[in-house]
C-alpha atoms as a PDB file:
ATOM      1  CA  MET A   1      -0.040 -14.541  -3.638  1.00  0.00           C
ATOM      2  CA  ASP A   2      -2.215 -14.415   0.311  1.00  0.00           C
ATOM      3  CA  TYR A   3      -3.639 -11.501   1.960  1.00  0.00           C
ATOM      4  CA  GLN A   4      -1.244 -11.590   4.563  1.00  0.00           C
ATOM      5  CA  THR A   5       1.529 -11.308   2.283  1.00  0.00           C
ATOM      6  CA  ILE A   6       0.157  -9.006   0.711  1.00  0.00           C
ATOM      7  CA  ARG A   7      -0.596  -6.620   3.705  1.00  0.00           C
ATOM      8  CA  LYS A   8       2.838  -6.850   4.571  1.00  0.00           C
ATOM      9  CA  LYS A   9       4.607  -6.147   1.416  1.00  0.00           C
ATOM     10  CA  ILE A  10       2.387  -3.246   1.721  1.00  0.00           C
ATOM     11  CA  VAL A  11       2.897  -2.419   5.361  1.00  0.00           C
ATOM     12  CA  GLU A  12       6.580  -2.459   4.580  1.00  0.00           C
ATOM     13  CA  ILE A  13       6.899   0.138   1.874  1.00  0.00           C
ATOM     14  CA  ILE A  14       4.807   2.643   4.016  1.00  0.00           C
ATOM     15  CA  ALA A  15       6.645   1.696   7.082  1.00  0.00           C
ATOM     16  CA  GLU A  16       9.867   2.699   4.345  1.00  0.00           C
ATOM     17  CA  ILE A  17       8.052   5.972   3.919  1.00  0.00           C
ATOM     18  CA  ALA A  18       6.400   6.764   7.351  1.00  0.00           C
ATOM     19  CA  ILE A  19       9.156   5.872   9.159  1.00  0.00           C
ATOM     20  CA  ASP A  20       8.425   7.274  12.722  1.00  0.00           C
ATOM     21  CA  GLU A  21       4.812   5.599  12.358  1.00  0.00           C
ATOM     22  CA  ASP A  22       3.793   2.490  14.891  1.00  0.00           C
ATOM     23  CA  LEU A  23       2.309   0.996  12.212  1.00  0.00           C
ATOM     24  CA  SER A  24       1.505  -2.791  14.786  1.00  0.00           C
ATOM     25  CA  ASN A  25      -1.396  -1.501  15.020  1.00  0.00           C
ATOM     26  CA  LEU A  26      -3.568  -0.833  11.087  1.00  0.00           C
ATOM     27  CA  ASP A  27      -7.056  -1.670  11.204  1.00  0.00           C
ATOM     28  CA  ASP A  28      -7.485  -2.860   7.370  1.00  0.00           C
ATOM     29  CA  ASN A  29     -10.353  -0.991   6.956  1.00  0.00           C
ATOM     30  CA  THR A  30      -9.971   2.058   8.893  1.00  0.00           C
ATOM     31  CA  ARG A  31      -8.239   5.061   5.778  1.00  0.00           C
ATOM     32  CA  LEU A  32      -4.928   5.128   6.093  1.00  0.00           C
ATOM     33  CA  ARG A  33      -4.627   9.000   5.524  1.00  0.00           C
ATOM     34  CA  GLU A  34      -6.776   8.794   9.270  1.00  0.00           C
ATOM     35  CA  GLN A  35      -4.391   6.266  11.108  1.00  0.00           C
ATOM     36  CA  LEU A  36      -1.068   7.188   9.471  1.00  0.00           C
ATOM     37  CA  ASP A  37       0.465  10.786   9.179  1.00  0.00           C
ATOM     38  CA  LEU A  38       0.721  10.705   5.629  1.00  0.00           C
ATOM     39  CA  ASP A  39       0.636  13.305   2.957  1.00  0.00           C
ATOM     40  CA  SER A  40       0.274  13.163  -0.459  1.00  0.00           C
ATOM     41  CA  MET A  41       3.227  13.196  -1.757  1.00  0.00           C
ATOM     42  CA  ASP A  42       4.016  10.063   0.928  1.00  0.00           C
ATOM     43  CA  PHE A  43       0.812   8.306  -1.011  1.00  0.00           C
ATOM     44  CA  LEU A  44       2.726   9.084  -4.161  1.00  0.00           C
ATOM     45  CA  ASP A  45       6.034   7.480  -3.254  1.00  0.00           C
ATOM     46  CA  VAL A  46       3.948   4.464  -1.670  1.00  0.00           C
ATOM     47  CA  VAL A  47       2.589   3.940  -5.222  1.00  0.00           C
ATOM     48  CA  MET A  48       6.294   4.623  -6.955  1.00  0.00           C
ATOM     49  CA  GLU A  49       7.901   2.561  -5.014  1.00  0.00           C
ATOM     50  CA  LEU A  50       5.303  -0.408  -5.914  1.00  0.00           C
ATOM     51  CA  LYS A  51       6.077   0.426  -9.317  1.00  0.00           C
ATOM     52  CA  LYS A  52       9.972   0.421  -8.454  1.00  0.00           C
ATOM     53  CA  ARG A  53       9.656  -3.303  -6.090  1.00  0.00           C
ATOM     54  CA  TYR A  54       6.941  -5.227  -8.059  1.00  0.00           C
ATOM     55  CA  LYS A  55       6.479  -3.493 -11.884  1.00  0.00           C
ATOM     56  CA  ILE A  56       2.366  -2.560 -10.711  1.00  0.00           C
ATOM     57  CA  GLU A  57       1.158   0.279 -11.950  1.00  0.00           C
ATOM     58  CA  VAL A  58      -1.115   1.994  -9.901  1.00  0.00           C
ATOM     59  CA  PRO A  59      -3.916   4.756 -12.561  1.00  0.00           C
ATOM     60  CA  THR A  60      -4.375   7.675 -11.052  1.00  0.00           C
ATOM     61  CA  GLU A  61      -7.868   7.158 -10.870  1.00  0.00           C
ATOM     62  CA  ASP A  62      -7.039   4.195  -9.051  1.00  0.00           C
ATOM     63  CA  TYR A  63      -5.658   6.090  -6.172  1.00  0.00           C
ATOM     64  CA  MET A  64      -8.997   5.898  -4.184  1.00  0.00           C
ATOM     65  CA  LYS A  65      -9.232   2.143  -4.345  1.00  0.00           C
ATOM     66  CA  LEU A  66      -5.608   2.330  -2.078  1.00  0.00           C
ATOM     67  CA  ALA A  67      -7.841   3.899   0.194  1.00  0.00           C
ATOM     68  CA  THR A  68      -7.802   1.300   3.180  1.00  0.00           C
ATOM     69  CA  LEU A  69      -5.088  -1.432   3.431  1.00  0.00           C
ATOM     70  CA  LYS A  70      -7.960  -3.760   2.821  1.00  0.00           C
ATOM     71  CA  GLY A  71      -8.888  -1.661  -0.389  1.00  0.00           C
ATOM     72  CA  CYS A  72      -4.694  -2.207  -0.953  1.00  0.00           C
ATOM     73  CA  ILE A  73      -4.382  -5.755  -0.833  1.00  0.00           C
ATOM     74  CA  GLU A  74      -8.385  -6.380  -3.078  1.00  0.00           C
ATOM     75  CA  TYR A  75      -6.759  -4.112  -5.529  1.00  0.00           C
ATOM     76  CA  LEU A  76      -2.611  -5.444  -5.593  1.00  0.00           C
ATOM     77  CA  GLY A  77      -3.472  -9.269  -4.620  1.00  0.00           C
ATOM     78  CA  PRO A  78      -4.341  -9.742  -8.665  1.00  0.00           C
ATOM     79  CA  LYS A  79      -1.540  -7.173  -9.803  1.00  0.00           C
ATOM     80  CA  PHE A  80       1.401  -9.430  -7.636  1.00  0.00           C
ATOM     81  CA  SER A  81       0.157 -12.399  -9.089  1.00  0.00           C
ATOM     82  CA  PHE A  82       1.908 -11.536 -12.242  1.00  0.00           C
ATOM     83  CA  SER A  83       3.821  -9.435 -11.160  1.00  0.00           C
ATOM     84  CA  SER A  84       8.372 -10.075 -10.052  1.00  0.00           C
ATOM     85  CA  SER A  85       8.241 -10.328  -6.609  1.00  0.00           C
END
């Protein structure tokens, strides 16, 4: 799965959780919490949605790897190839 496809899937999940946020100008290299009004519960909702939709487990110790959109894509990319998308 390519970078843009994975990015789209992640942004779709964020859009459902942060419904009032404008996601059109997200910078892939800036921490998501600096760009969006996401709290720790919102972040957990993103992680749970990844598990529900794509059967992707993210261990607690890897949460920091998901701080930026680019980090999410790099971390989740190999996992999407093994999930049922």
